[in-house]
Amino acid sequence: KHLIGYGLIKESSDGYVFNVEMISNLLKTKYLYQRIDISTEEKVQEISKRRNVIEKKLRTIIKNSTRLKYGKKANEKVLGAIALPRREKLSNDINVLLSESESPLFFLELINIIKKEWEDCFKNIFSQGKDHIVFILNEINGIGRPDAHAKGIKKDDFIQLRLHFDKVESELDEWF
């Protein structure tokens, strides 16, 4: 009855049968990012999707952490981590700066905010140390953008990126 309830087995005119479609969907979901026989295009799509999800979660974590620590001065702290010529062109509103879907900040700038505000805002968010998290995020930023430059990705780099994504996703998932 449990297997029927989960949809793994269904009743048919000949008795009980495995619900192959349900099992297929379960495996595709559970092992989505573990397939090894994927095309370059599929690799680029996976990288882009995972990087974008991480970027959105980082924006939210940064916005919430800096607000919690600095209150209304959070926007000053965020802007303080951005290079001066660019900083002058950005909004002073933290909701705009760290909007989940329309933030003007680059991934590298998010890393800079995390580096600058590590002690006060982020050391208790991540279980890994500052240097390790910053290294992983820089790797994601550096080799995790084949879609931005219309180029392929080496097999070893793709495997390494998957490990980095897994690590960062597990860290961020604790907060979402």
Protein backbone atom coordinates (compact mmCIF):
# COMPACT_ATOMS: atom_id res chain seq x y z
CA LYS A 1 0.00 0.00 0.00
CA HIS A 2 2.89 2.37 0.71
CA LEU A 3 4.33 1.87 -2.76
CA ILE A 4 0.92 2.56 -4.27
CA GLY A 5 0.64 5.67 -2.13
CA TYR A 6 3.99 6.91 -3.39
CA GLY A 7 2.91 6.16 -6.96
CA LEU A 8 5.72 3.67 -7.55
CA ILE A 9 3.31 0.79 -8.13
CA LYS A 10 -0.12 0.99 -9.68
CA GLU A 11 -2.93 -1.43 -10.09
CA SER A 12 -3.78 -2.64 -13.56
CA SER A 13 -6.11 -5.22 -15.06
CA ASP A 14 -3.28 -7.79 -14.82
CA GLY A 15 -2.43 -7.03 -11.19
CA TYR A 16 0.21 -4.63 -9.94
CA VAL A 17 2.86 -3.03 -12.16
CA PHE A 18 5.71 -0.63 -11.65
CA ASN A 19 4.93 2.94 -12.60
CA VAL A 20 7.96 3.37 -14.85
CA GLU A 21 7.20 7.02 -15.55
CA MET A 22 7.11 7.83 -11.83
CA ILE A 23 10.37 5.97 -11.20
CA SER A 24 11.97 7.71 -14.19
CA ASN A 25 10.89 11.13 -12.91
CA LEU A 26 12.14 10.32 -9.42
CA LEU A 27 15.56 9.30 -10.73
CA LYS A 28 15.78 12.35 -13.00
CA THR A 29 15.02 14.64 -10.08
CA LYS A 30 17.16 12.93 -7.45
CA TYR A 31 20.19 12.52 -9.70
CA LEU A 32 19.64 15.56 -11.90
CA TYR A 33 23.19 16.86 -11.53
CA GLN A 34 25.00 13.54 -11.51
CA ARG A 35 24.59 12.51 -15.12
CA ILE A 36 27.92 12.12 -16.88
CA ASP A 37 26.79 11.49 -20.44
CA ILE A 38 25.67 15.01 -21.26
CA SER A 39 26.41 17.26 -24.19
CA THR A 40 28.32 20.53 -24.03
CA GLU A 41 25.03 22.38 -24.38
CA GLU A 42 23.55 20.48 -21.43
CA LYS A 43 26.65 21.26 -19.36
CA VAL A 44 26.33 24.97 -20.15
CA GLN A 45 22.61 24.87 -19.26
CA GLU A 46 23.31 23.13 -15.96
CA ILE A 47 26.07 25.58 -15.05
CA SER A 48 23.93 28.58 -15.93
CA LYS A 49 20.92 27.31 -14.00
CA ARG A 50 22.85 26.40 -10.87
CA ARG A 51 24.93 29.58 -10.90
CA ASN A 52 21.81 31.75 -11.26
CA VAL A 53 20.08 30.01 -8.34
CA ILE A 54 23.18 30.47 -6.17
CA GLU A 55 23.46 34.11 -7.18
CA LYS A 56 19.83 34.82 -6.22
CA LYS A 57 20.26 33.11 -2.86
CA LEU A 58 23.48 35.01 -2.19
CA ARG A 59 21.68 38.30 -2.85
CA THR A 60 18.99 37.37 -0.34
CA ILE A 61 21.52 36.20 2.26
CA ILE A 62 23.57 39.38 1.83
CA LYS A 63 20.52 41.62 2.05
CA ASN A 64 19.15 39.88 5.14
CA SER A 65 22.50 39.60 6.94
CA THR A 66 23.60 43.17 6.35
CA ARG A 67 20.16 44.50 7.31
CA LEU A 68 20.19 42.46 10.50
CA LYS A 69 23.64 43.72 11.45
CA TYR A 70 23.52 47.33 10.25
CA GLY A 71 19.86 48.23 9.94
CA LYS A 72 19.34 51.28 7.75
CA LYS A 73 23.09 51.60 7.17
CA ALA A 74 23.19 48.24 5.37
CA ASN A 75 23.09 49.94 1.97
CA GLU A 76 26.24 51.91 2.89
CA LYS A 77 28.06 48.70 3.84
CA VAL A 78 27.00 46.98 0.63
CA LEU A 79 28.01 49.95 -1.51
CA GLY A 80 31.30 50.22 0.40
CA ALA A 81 32.37 46.88 -1.07
CA ILE A 82 31.85 48.10 -4.65
CA ALA A 83 34.61 49.88 -6.62
CA LEU A 84 34.17 53.66 -6.61
CA PRO A 85 33.46 54.43 -10.27
CA ARG A 86 30.74 51.79 -10.38
CA ARG A 87 29.42 52.59 -6.90
CA GLU A 88 28.47 56.11 -7.99
CA LYS A 89 26.16 54.70 -10.68
CA LEU A 90 24.24 52.40 -8.33
CA SER A 91 21.11 52.97 -6.29
CA ASN A 92 21.33 53.66 -2.56
CA ASP A 93 18.33 51.40 -1.96
CA ILE A 94 19.36 47.96 -0.70
CA ASN A 95 16.15 46.47 -2.09
CA VAL A 96 17.22 47.56 -5.56
CA LEU A 97 20.89 46.65 -5.06
CA LEU A 98 20.08 43.14 -3.90
CA SER A 99 16.82 42.48 -5.69
CA GLU A 100 16.53 38.76 -6.30
CA SER A 101 15.70 39.16 -9.96
CA GLU A 102 16.87 42.64 -10.98
CA SER A 103 20.02 43.34 -8.99
CA PRO A 104 22.61 45.40 -10.87
CA LEU A 105 25.42 43.75 -8.91
CA PHE A 106 27.73 41.24 -10.54
CA PHE A 107 28.61 37.88 -8.99
CA LEU A 108 32.13 39.17 -8.32
CA GLU A 109 30.69 42.13 -6.41
CA LEU A 110 28.64 39.77 -4.25
CA ILE A 111 31.87 37.93 -3.44
CA ASN A 112 33.51 41.25 -2.51
CA ILE A 113 30.66 42.09 -0.14
CA ILE A 114 31.00 38.69 1.53
CA LYS A 115 34.78 39.14 1.85
CA LYS A 116 34.49 42.64 3.29
CA GLU A 117 31.69 41.87 5.73
CA TRP A 118 32.75 38.31 6.61
CA GLU A 119 33.42 38.84 10.31
CA ASP A 120 30.29 40.82 11.06
CA CYS A 121 27.77 39.18 8.74
CA PHE A 122 28.81 35.93 7.12
CA LYS A 123 31.15 33.83 9.25
CA ASN A 124 28.16 32.24 10.99
CA ILE A 125 26.27 31.69 7.74
CA PHE A 126 28.86 29.42 6.15
CA SER A 127 30.37 26.38 7.86
CA GLN A 128 33.56 26.70 5.82
CA GLY A 129 36.12 29.42 6.47
CA LYS A 130 36.25 32.69 4.58
CA ASP A 131 39.18 31.74 2.34
CA HIS A 132 37.56 28.46 1.32
CA ILE A 133 34.15 29.97 0.53
CA VAL A 134 35.70 32.89 -1.34
CA PHE A 135 37.88 30.48 -3.33
CA ILE A 136 34.84 28.37 -4.30
CA LEU A 137 32.78 31.43 -5.25
CA ASN A 138 35.67 32.82 -7.32
CA GLU A 139 35.99 29.47 -9.11
CA ILE A 140 32.26 29.53 -9.87
CA ASN A 141 32.62 33.08 -11.16
CA GLY A 142 35.74 32.31 -13.18
CA ILE A 143 35.06 28.97 -14.84
CA GLY A 144 31.32 28.87 -14.27
CA ARG A 145 30.39 31.24 -17.06
CA PRO A 146 30.74 29.38 -20.35
CA ASP A 147 27.33 30.73 -21.37
CA ALA A 148 28.57 34.32 -21.01
CA HIS A 149 31.46 33.79 -23.39
CA ALA A 150 29.91 31.25 -25.78
CA LYS A 151 32.65 28.75 -25.16
CA GLY A 152 32.78 25.17 -24.03
CA ILE A 153 34.01 23.81 -20.74
CA LYS A 154 36.72 21.27 -20.06
CA LYS A 155 35.66 17.98 -18.50
CA ASP A 156 37.81 18.50 -15.38
CA ASP A 157 36.49 22.04 -14.91
CA PHE A 158 32.92 20.81 -15.20
CA ILE A 159 33.51 18.10 -12.59
CA GLN A 160 35.14 20.65 -10.28
CA LEU A 161 32.29 23.10 -10.78
CA ARG A 162 29.76 20.44 -9.83
CA LEU A 163 31.64 19.86 -6.58
CA HIS A 164 31.71 23.61 -5.91
CA PHE A 165 28.02 23.94 -6.72
CA ASP A 166 27.16 21.04 -4.40
CA LYS A 167 29.10 22.66 -1.56
CA VAL A 168 27.63 26.14 -1.94
CA GLU A 169 24.10 24.84 -2.54
CA SER A 170 24.23 22.74 0.63
CA GLU A 171 25.46 25.76 2.61
CA LEU A 172 22.75 28.06 1.22
CA ASP A 173 19.96 25.48 1.44
CA GLU A 174 20.25 25.60 5.22
CA TRP A 175 18.89 29.16 5.06
CA PHE A 176 16.08 28.61 2.55
